[in-house]
Structure formats: C-alpha cells, structure tokens
Amino acid sequence: FLGTRLTLNDVEDTTLLAGVILDLDQEERVFSVEFERRLNDSLSLEIEGQVFDNIDENDLLNGFARDSFIEIRLSWYF
C-alpha cells in the first residue's frame, strides 16, 4: 500500500487523499482518490473514485472487479 494526504491549509480548504494497493505477484492494483475544495462561501466540489485494475477471476477481490467508480459531487449550502 502506498498513500498520501495533501492538505493545502488554504481559504478554500483544499484536500487530496490518494492511494494504491499493489499485488506484486498477481500484478493487481486498486487505486483510490478523494479530492475536496470549497469554490465559494456556499458551493463546494468533491471528487471520489476507486478503480480495480487487472483483478484475477480466482482472486478474493474478483467480487469487486466491476465496482470501479468516479463520483463528482457539487454541494450548495444556503
């Protein structure tokens, strides 16, 4: 597993969280990313994604092999 968190400590409260799980024997990979930022006082943007890559059909992760996703969320606060 390799991961990082970046928090810019800026007015927009920008954060990034990213990681990857590597299986060096089977060459399987799971990527994960989360990003969040305020665009103004009442609007924020969030992006979240997870990708399963090269998952073997006999592996325990095979049940998740088709569960890759990217979600983009725009939130308005009033």
PDB file of N, CA and C in Angstrom:
ATOM      1  N   PHE A   1       0.851  -1.178   0.000  1.00  0.00           N
ATOM      2  CA  PHE A   1       0.000   0.000   0.000  1.00  0.00           C
ATOM      3  C   PHE A   1       0.889   1.231   0.000  1.00  0.00           C
ATOM      4  N   LEU A   2       0.503   2.195  -0.794  1.00  0.00           N
ATOM      5  CA  LEU A   2       1.183   3.486  -0.829  1.00  0.00           C
ATOM      6  C   LEU A   2       0.108   4.549  -0.863  1.00  0.00           C
ATOM      7  N   GLY A   3       0.192   5.533   0.013  1.00  0.00           N
ATOM      8  CA  GLY A   3      -0.832   6.561   0.062  1.00  0.00           C
ATOM      9  C   GLY A   3      -0.264   7.891   0.494  1.00  0.00           C
ATOM     10  N   THR A   4      -1.043   8.936   0.224  1.00  0.00           N
ATOM     11  CA  THR A   4      -0.636  10.272   0.605  1.00  0.00           C
ATOM     12  C   THR A   4      -1.862  11.121   0.904  1.00  0.00           C
ATOM     13  N   ARG A   5      -1.676  12.085   1.763  1.00  0.00           N
ATOM     14  CA  ARG A   5      -2.709  13.084   2.049  1.00  0.00           C
ATOM     15  C   ARG A   5      -2.059  14.450   1.892  1.00  0.00           C
ATOM     16  N   LEU A   6      -2.722  15.303   1.137  1.00  0.00           N
ATOM     17  CA  LEU A   6      -2.244  16.661   0.924  1.00  0.00           C
ATOM     18  C   LEU A   6      -3.331  17.615   1.399  1.00  0.00           C
ATOM     19  N   THR A   7      -3.007  18.442   2.368  1.00  0.00           N
ATOM     20  CA  THR A   7      -3.919  19.469   2.866  1.00  0.00           C
ATOM     21  C   THR A   7      -3.217  20.807   2.688  1.00  0.00           C
ATOM     22  N   LEU A   8      -3.785  21.655   1.836  1.00  0.00           N
ATOM     23  CA  LEU A   8      -3.111  22.900   1.498  1.00  0.00           C
ATOM     24  C   LEU A   8      -3.271  23.988   2.550  1.00  0.00           C
ATOM     25  N   ASN A   9      -4.208  23.818   3.501  1.00  0.00           N
ATOM     26  CA  ASN A   9      -4.425  24.803   4.543  1.00  0.00           C
ATOM     27  C   ASN A   9      -4.693  26.187   3.950  1.00  0.00           C
ATOM     28  N   ASP A  10      -5.468  26.203   2.861  1.00  0.00           N
ATOM     29  CA  ASP A  10      -5.818  27.455   2.207  1.00  0.00           C
ATOM     30  C   ASP A  10      -7.251  27.852   2.558  1.00  0.00           C
ATOM     31  N   VAL A  11      -7.677  29.002   2.094  1.00  0.00           N
ATOM     32  CA  VAL A  11      -9.012  29.517   2.376  1.00  0.00           C
ATOM     33  C   VAL A  11     -10.089  28.579   1.825  1.00  0.00           C
ATOM     34  N   GLU A  12      -9.807  27.912   0.718  1.00  0.00           N
ATOM     35  CA  GLU A  12     -10.767  27.016   0.083  1.00  0.00           C
ATOM     36  C   GLU A  12     -10.809  25.632   0.724  1.00  0.00           C
ATOM     37  N   ASP A  13      -9.965  25.381   1.716  1.00  0.00           N
ATOM     38  CA  ASP A  13      -9.913  24.105   2.442  1.00  0.00           C
ATOM     39  C   ASP A  13      -9.680  22.923   1.485  1.00  0.00           C
ATOM     40  N   THR A  14      -8.694  23.040   0.624  1.00  0.00           N
ATOM     41  CA  THR A  14      -8.387  22.030  -0.378  1.00  0.00           C
ATOM     42  C   THR A  14      -7.690  20.829   0.246  1.00  0.00           C
ATOM     43  N   THR A  15      -8.226  19.617  -0.031  1.00  0.00           N
ATOM     44  CA  THR A  15      -7.603  18.387   0.452  1.00  0.00           C
ATOM     45  C   THR A  15      -7.593  17.340  -0.655  1.00  0.00           C
ATOM     46  N   LEU A  16      -6.562  16.514  -0.645  1.00  0.00           N
ATOM     47  CA  LEU A  16      -6.428  15.413  -1.587  1.00  0.00           C
ATOM     48  C   LEU A  16      -5.933  14.201  -0.812  1.00  0.00           C
ATOM     49  N   LEU A  17      -6.610  13.089  -1.008  1.00  0.00           N
ATOM     50  CA  LEU A  17      -6.216  11.821  -0.406  1.00  0.00           C
ATOM     51  C   LEU A  17      -6.139  10.806  -1.540  1.00  0.00           C
ATOM     52  N   ALA A  18      -4.997  10.162  -1.717  1.00  0.00           N
ATOM     53  CA  ALA A  18      -4.817   9.214  -2.811  1.00  0.00           C
ATOM     54  C   ALA A  18      -4.016   8.014  -2.323  1.00  0.00           C
ATOM     55  N   GLY A  19      -4.320   6.862  -2.885  1.00  0.00           N
ATOM     56  CA  GLY A  19      -3.595   5.659  -2.506  1.00  0.00           C
ATOM     57  C   GLY A  19      -3.713   4.574  -3.550  1.00  0.00           C
ATOM     58  N   VAL A  20      -2.820   3.615  -3.449  1.00  0.00           N
ATOM     59  CA  VAL A  20      -2.837   2.463  -4.349  1.00  0.00           C
ATOM     60  C   VAL A  20      -2.423   1.231  -3.541  1.00  0.00           C
ATOM     61  N   ILE A  21      -3.107   0.136  -3.795  1.00  0.00           N
ATOM     62  CA  ILE A  21      -2.744  -1.158  -3.233  1.00  0.00           C
ATOM     63  C   ILE A  21      -2.203  -1.991  -4.379  1.00  0.00           C
ATOM     64  N   LEU A  22      -1.003  -2.495  -4.241  1.00  0.00           N
ATOM     65  CA  LEU A  22      -0.352  -3.271  -5.290  1.00  0.00           C
ATOM     66  C   LEU A  22      -0.153  -4.705  -4.843  1.00  0.00           C
ATOM     67  N   ASP A  23      -0.526  -5.646  -5.696  1.00  0.00           N
ATOM     68  CA  ASP A  23      -0.182  -7.057  -5.501  1.00  0.00           C
ATOM     69  C   ASP A  23       0.902  -7.360  -6.519  1.00  0.00           C
ATOM     70  N   LEU A  24       2.129  -7.425  -6.077  1.00  0.00           N
ATOM     71  CA  LEU A  24       3.259  -7.581  -6.984  1.00  0.00           C
ATOM     72  C   LEU A  24       3.313  -8.959  -7.629  1.00  0.00           C
ATOM     73  N   ASP A  25       2.756  -9.978  -6.971  1.00  0.00           N
ATOM     74  CA  ASP A  25       2.760 -11.318  -7.543  1.00  0.00           C
ATOM     75  C   ASP A  25       1.750 -11.461  -8.681  1.00  0.00           C
ATOM     76  N   GLN A  26       0.528 -10.966  -8.466  1.00  0.00           N
ATOM     77  CA  GLN A  26      -0.542 -11.102  -9.451  1.00  0.00           C
ATOM     78  C   GLN A  26      -0.684  -9.874 -10.350  1.00  0.00           C
ATOM     79  N   GLU A  27       0.070  -8.819 -10.075  1.00  0.00           N
ATOM     80  CA  GLU A  27       0.014  -7.553 -10.810  1.00  0.00           C
ATOM     81  C   GLU A  27      -1.375  -6.913 -10.748  1.00  0.00           C
ATOM     82  N   GLU A  28      -2.063  -7.098  -9.630  1.00  0.00           N
ATOM     83  CA  GLU A  28      -3.369  -6.474  -9.415  1.00  0.00           C
ATOM     84  C   GLU A  28      -3.156  -5.143  -8.712  1.00  0.00           C
ATOM     85  N   ARG A  29      -4.041  -4.189  -9.012  1.00  0.00           N
ATOM     86  CA  ARG A  29      -3.922  -2.852  -8.431  1.00  0.00           C
ATOM     87  C   ARG A  29      -5.309  -2.313  -8.075  1.00  0.00           C
ATOM     88  N   VAL A  30      -5.363  -1.595  -6.972  1.00  0.00           N
ATOM     89  CA  VAL A  30      -6.571  -0.885  -6.571  1.00  0.00           C
ATOM     90  C   VAL A  30      -6.160   0.562  -6.299  1.00  0.00           C
ATOM     91  N   PHE A  31      -6.741   1.493  -7.063  1.00  0.00           N
ATOM     92  CA  PHE A  31      -6.444   2.917  -6.923  1.00  0.00           C
ATOM     93  C   PHE A  31      -7.614   3.610  -6.231  1.00  0.00           C
ATOM     94  N   SER A  32      -7.302   4.569  -5.379  1.00  0.00           N
ATOM     95  CA  SER A  32      -8.337   5.323  -4.677  1.00  0.00           C
ATOM     96  C   SER A  32      -7.923   6.794  -4.607  1.00  0.00           C
ATOM     97  N   VAL A  33      -8.895   7.690  -4.834  1.00  0.00           N
ATOM     98  CA  VAL A  33      -8.612   9.124  -4.763  1.00  0.00           C
ATOM     99  C   VAL A  33      -9.842   9.857  -4.223  1.00  0.00           C
ATOM    100  N   GLU A  34      -9.576  10.859  -3.381  1.00  0.00           N
ATOM    101  CA  GLU A  34     -10.614  11.749  -2.851  1.00  0.00           C
ATOM    102  C   GLU A  34     -10.064  13.168  -2.903  1.00  0.00           C
ATOM    103  N   PHE A  35     -10.881  14.072  -3.430  1.00  0.00           N
ATOM    104  CA  PHE A  35     -10.498  15.482  -3.552  1.00  0.00           C
ATOM    105  C   PHE A  35     -11.671  16.335  -3.080  1.00  0.00           C
ATOM    106  N   GLU A  36     -11.377  17.390  -2.331  1.00  0.00           N
ATOM    107  CA  GLU A  36     -12.432  18.281  -1.857  1.00  0.00           C
ATOM    108  C   GLU A  36     -11.918  19.714  -1.837  1.00  0.00           C
ATOM    109  N   ARG A  37     -12.807  20.641  -2.259  1.00  0.00           N
ATOM    110  CA  ARG A  37     -12.430  22.057  -2.281  1.00  0.00           C
ATOM    111  C   ARG A  37     -13.693  22.919  -2.251  1.00  0.00           C
ATOM    112  N   ARG A  38     -13.660  23.958  -1.442  1.00  0.00           N
ATOM    113  CA  ARG A  38     -14.744  24.954  -1.462  1.00  0.00           C
ATOM    114  C   ARG A  38     -14.520  25.889  -2.641  1.00  0.00           C
ATOM    115  N   LEU A  39     -15.571  26.118  -3.415  1.00  0.00           N
ATOM    116  CA  LEU A  39     -15.458  27.023  -4.552  1.00  0.00           C
ATOM    117  C   LEU A  39     -15.783  28.460  -4.161  1.00  0.00           C
ATOM    118  N   ASN A  40     -16.712  28.624  -3.224  1.00  0.00           N
ATOM    119  CA  ASN A  40     -17.013  29.927  -2.628  1.00  0.00           C
ATOM    120  C   ASN A  40     -17.705  29.663  -1.293  1.00  0.00           C
ATOM    121  N   ASP A  41     -18.338  30.678  -0.699  1.00  0.00           N
ATOM    122  CA  ASP A  41     -18.943  30.512   0.626  1.00  0.00           C
ATOM    123  C   ASP A  41     -20.083  29.504   0.652  1.00  0.00           C
ATOM    124  N   SER A  42     -20.752  29.270  -0.478  1.00  0.00           N
ATOM    125  CA  SER A  42     -21.921  28.390  -0.469  1.00  0.00           C
ATOM    126  C   SER A  42     -21.813  27.216  -1.431  1.00  0.00           C
ATOM    127  N   LEU A  43     -20.673  26.997  -2.039  1.00  0.00           N
ATOM    128  CA  LEU A  43     -20.523  25.945  -3.041  1.00  0.00           C
ATOM    129  C   LEU A  43     -19.232  25.166  -2.810  1.00  0.00           C
ATOM    130  N   SER A  44     -19.330  23.829  -2.826  1.00  0.00           N
ATOM    131  CA  SER A  44     -18.121  23.003  -2.673  1.00  0.00           C
ATOM    132  C   SER A  44     -18.138  21.871  -3.696  1.00  0.00           C
ATOM    133  N   LEU A  45     -16.954  21.418  -4.052  1.00  0.00           N
ATOM    134  CA  LEU A  45     -16.765  20.361  -5.039  1.00  0.00           C
ATOM    135  C   LEU A  45     -16.047  19.198  -4.379  1.00  0.00           C
ATOM    136  N   GLU A  46     -16.562  17.978  -4.597  1.00  0.00           N
ATOM    137  CA  GLU A  46     -15.922  16.764  -4.094  1.00  0.00           C
ATOM    138  C   GLU A  46     -15.822  15.764  -5.242  1.00  0.00           C
ATOM    139  N   ILE A  47     -14.681  15.127  -5.363  1.00  0.00           N
ATOM    140  CA  ILE A  47     -14.465  14.081  -6.357  1.00  0.00           C
ATOM    141  C   ILE A  47     -13.911  12.867  -5.631  1.00  0.00           C
ATOM    142  N   GLU A  48     -14.528  11.729  -5.861  1.00  0.00           N
ATOM    143  CA  GLU A  48     -14.097  10.491  -5.221  1.00  0.00           C
ATOM    144  C   GLU A  48     -14.099   9.392  -6.271  1.00  0.00           C
ATOM    145  N   GLY A  49     -13.084   8.543  -6.247  1.00  0.00           N
ATOM    146  CA  GLY A  49     -13.025   7.457  -7.207  1.00  0.00           C
ATOM    147  C   GLY A  49     -12.230   6.278  -6.699  1.00  0.00           C
ATOM    148  N   GLN A  50     -12.575   5.126  -7.244  1.00  0.00           N
ATOM    149  CA  GLN A  50     -11.852   3.904  -6.921  1.00  0.00           C
ATOM    150  C   GLN A  50     -11.838   3.034  -8.173  1.00  0.00           C
ATOM    151  N   VAL A  51     -10.670   2.525  -8.526  1.00  0.00           N
ATOM    152  CA  VAL A  51     -10.503   1.718  -9.729  1.00  0.00           C
ATOM    153  C   VAL A  51      -9.815   0.410  -9.358  1.00  0.00           C
ATOM    154  N   PHE A  52     -10.435  -0.692  -9.759  1.00  0.00           N
ATOM    155  CA  PHE A  52      -9.854  -2.026  -9.600  1.00  0.00           C
ATOM    156  C   PHE A  52      -9.271  -2.417 -10.949  1.00  0.00           C
ATOM    157  N   ASP A  53      -7.976  -2.722 -10.992  1.00  0.00           N
ATOM    158  CA  ASP A  53      -7.301  -2.977 -12.264  1.00  0.00           C
ATOM    159  C   ASP A  53      -6.634  -4.346 -12.257  1.00  0.00           C
ATOM    160  N   ASN A  54      -6.864  -5.104 -13.324  1.00  0.00           N
ATOM    161  CA  ASN A  54      -6.196  -6.382 -13.562  1.00  0.00           C
ATOM    162  C   ASN A  54      -6.484  -7.402 -12.448  1.00  0.00           C
ATOM    163  N   ILE A  55      -7.732  -7.470 -11.995  1.00  0.00           N
ATOM    164  CA  ILE A  55      -8.105  -8.395 -10.923  1.00  0.00           C
ATOM    165  C   ILE A  55      -8.333  -9.785 -11.518  1.00  0.00           C
ATOM    166  N   ASP A  56      -7.636 -10.776 -10.985  1.00  0.00           N
ATOM    167  CA  ASP A  56      -7.743 -12.150 -11.456  1.00  0.00           C
ATOM    168  C   ASP A  56      -9.111 -12.726 -11.089  1.00  0.00           C
ATOM    169  N   GLU A  57      -9.682 -13.551 -11.967  1.00  0.00           N
ATOM    170  CA  GLU A  57     -11.019 -14.110 -11.724  1.00  0.00           C
ATOM    171  C   GLU A  57     -11.052 -15.095 -10.556  1.00  0.00           C
ATOM    172  N   ASN A  58      -9.914 -15.609 -10.132  1.00  0.00           N
ATOM    173  CA  ASN A  58      -9.853 -16.532  -8.995  1.00  0.00           C
ATOM    174  C   ASN A  58      -9.453 -15.843  -7.689  1.00  0.00           C
ATOM    175  N   ASP A  59      -9.262 -14.542  -7.726  1.00  0.00           N
ATOM    176  CA  ASP A  59      -8.832 -13.790  -6.554  1.00  0.00           C
ATOM    177  C   ASP A  59     -10.025 -13.408  -5.682  1.00  0.00           C
ATOM    178  N   LEU A  60      -9.773 -13.192  -4.385  1.00  0.00           N
ATOM    179  CA  LEU A  60     -10.828 -12.763  -3.471  1.00  0.00           C
ATOM    180  C   LEU A  60     -11.417 -11.410  -3.869  1.00  0.00           C
ATOM    181  N   LEU A  61     -10.634 -10.550  -4.509  1.00  0.00           N
ATOM    182  CA  LEU A  61     -11.110  -9.240  -4.941  1.00  0.00           C
ATOM    183  C   LEU A  61     -11.995  -9.302  -6.188  1.00  0.00           C
ATOM    184  N   ASN A  62     -12.146 -10.476  -6.785  1.00  0.00           N
ATOM    185  CA  ASN A  62     -12.914 -10.577  -8.025  1.00  0.00           C
ATOM    186  C   ASN A  62     -14.352 -10.082  -7.859  1.00  0.00           C
ATOM    187  N   GLY A  63     -14.922 -10.224  -6.677  1.00  0.00           N
ATOM    188  CA  GLY A  63     -16.267  -9.724  -6.433  1.00  0.00           C
ATOM    189  C   GLY A  63     -16.373  -8.207  -6.563  1.00  0.00           C
ATOM    190  N   PHE A  64     -15.239  -7.498  -6.457  1.00  0.00           N
ATOM    191  CA  PHE A  64     -15.210  -6.042  -6.571  1.00  0.00           C
ATOM    192  C   PHE A  64     -14.705  -5.573  -7.936  1.00  0.00           C
ATOM    193  N   ALA A  65     -14.300  -6.472  -8.803  1.00  0.00           N
ATOM    194  CA  ALA A  65     -13.635  -6.109 -10.051  1.00  0.00           C
ATOM    195  C   ALA A  65     -14.475  -5.171 -10.919  1.00  0.00           C
ATOM    196  N   ARG A  66     -15.782  -5.267 -10.834  1.00  0.00           N
ATOM    197  CA  ARG A  66     -16.664  -4.410 -11.646  1.00  0.00           C
ATOM    198  C   ARG A  66     -17.241  -3.255 -10.839  1.00  0.00           C
ATOM    199  N   ASP A  67     -16.667  -2.965  -9.697  1.00  0.00           N
ATOM    200  CA  ASP A  67     -17.182  -1.908  -8.825  1.00  0.00           C
ATOM    201  C   ASP A  67     -16.386  -0.612  -8.903  1.00  0.00           C
ATOM    202  N   SER A  68     -15.582  -0.429  -9.936  1.00  0.00           N
ATOM    203  CA  SER A  68     -14.844   0.824 -10.104  1.00  0.00           C
ATOM    204  C   SER A  68     -15.843   1.969 -10.306  1.00  0.00           C
ATOM    205  N   PHE A  69     -15.512   3.154  -9.772  1.00  0.00           N
ATOM    206  CA  PHE A  69     -16.422   4.282  -9.914  1.00  0.00           C
ATOM    207  C   PHE A  69     -15.670   5.606  -9.791  1.00  0.00           C
ATOM    208  N   ILE A  70     -16.296   6.635 -10.325  1.00  0.00           N
ATOM    209  CA  ILE A  70     -15.878   8.018 -10.111  1.00  0.00           C
ATOM    210  C   ILE A  70     -17.145   8.791  -9.791  1.00  0.00           C
ATOM    211  N   GLU A  71     -17.119   9.518  -8.689  1.00  0.00           N
ATOM    212  CA  GLU A  71     -18.279  10.288  -8.244  1.00  0.00           C
ATOM    213  C   GLU A  71     -17.873  11.747  -8.122  1.00  0.00           C
ATOM    214  N   ILE A  72     -18.658  12.617  -8.727  1.00  0.00           N
ATOM    215  CA  ILE A  72     -18.422  14.056  -8.647  1.00  0.00           C
ATOM    216  C   ILE A  72     -19.637  14.669  -7.956  1.00  0.00           C
ATOM    217  N   ARG A  73     -19.383  15.413  -6.889  1.00  0.00           N
ATOM    218  CA  ARG A  73     -20.455  15.969  -6.076  1.00  0.00           C
ATOM    219  C   ARG A  73     -20.260  17.477  -5.982  1.00  0.00           C
ATOM    220  N   LEU A  74     -21.267  18.216  -6.364  1.00  0.00           N
ATOM    221  CA  LEU A  74     -21.277  19.662  -6.224  1.00  0.00           C
ATOM    222  C   LEU A  74     -22.355  20.006  -5.202  1.00  0.00           C
ATOM    223  N   SER A  75     -21.963  20.596  -4.083  1.00  0.00           N
ATOM    224  CA  SER A  75     -22.904  20.874  -2.996  1.00  0.00           C
ATOM    225  C   SER A  75     -23.088  22.378  -2.843  1.00  0.00           C
ATOM    226  N   TRP A  76     -24.340  22.766  -2.694  1.00  0.00           N
ATOM    227  CA  TRP A  76     -24.693  24.161  -2.498  1.00  0.00           C
ATOM    228  C   TRP A  76     -25.299  24.328  -1.112  1.00  0.00           C
ATOM    229  N   TYR A  77     -24.765  25.229  -0.330  1.00  0.00           N
ATOM    230  CA  TYR A  77     -25.230  25.485   1.032  1.00  0.00           C
ATOM    231  C   TYR A  77     -25.923  26.841   1.070  1.00  0.00           C
ATOM    232  N   PHE A  78     -27.063  26.895   1.709  1.00  0.00           N
ATOM    233  CA  PHE A  78     -27.803  28.169   1.783  1.00  0.00           C
ATOM    234  C   PHE A  78     -28.170  28.493   3.222  1.00  0.00           C
TER     235      PHE A  78
END
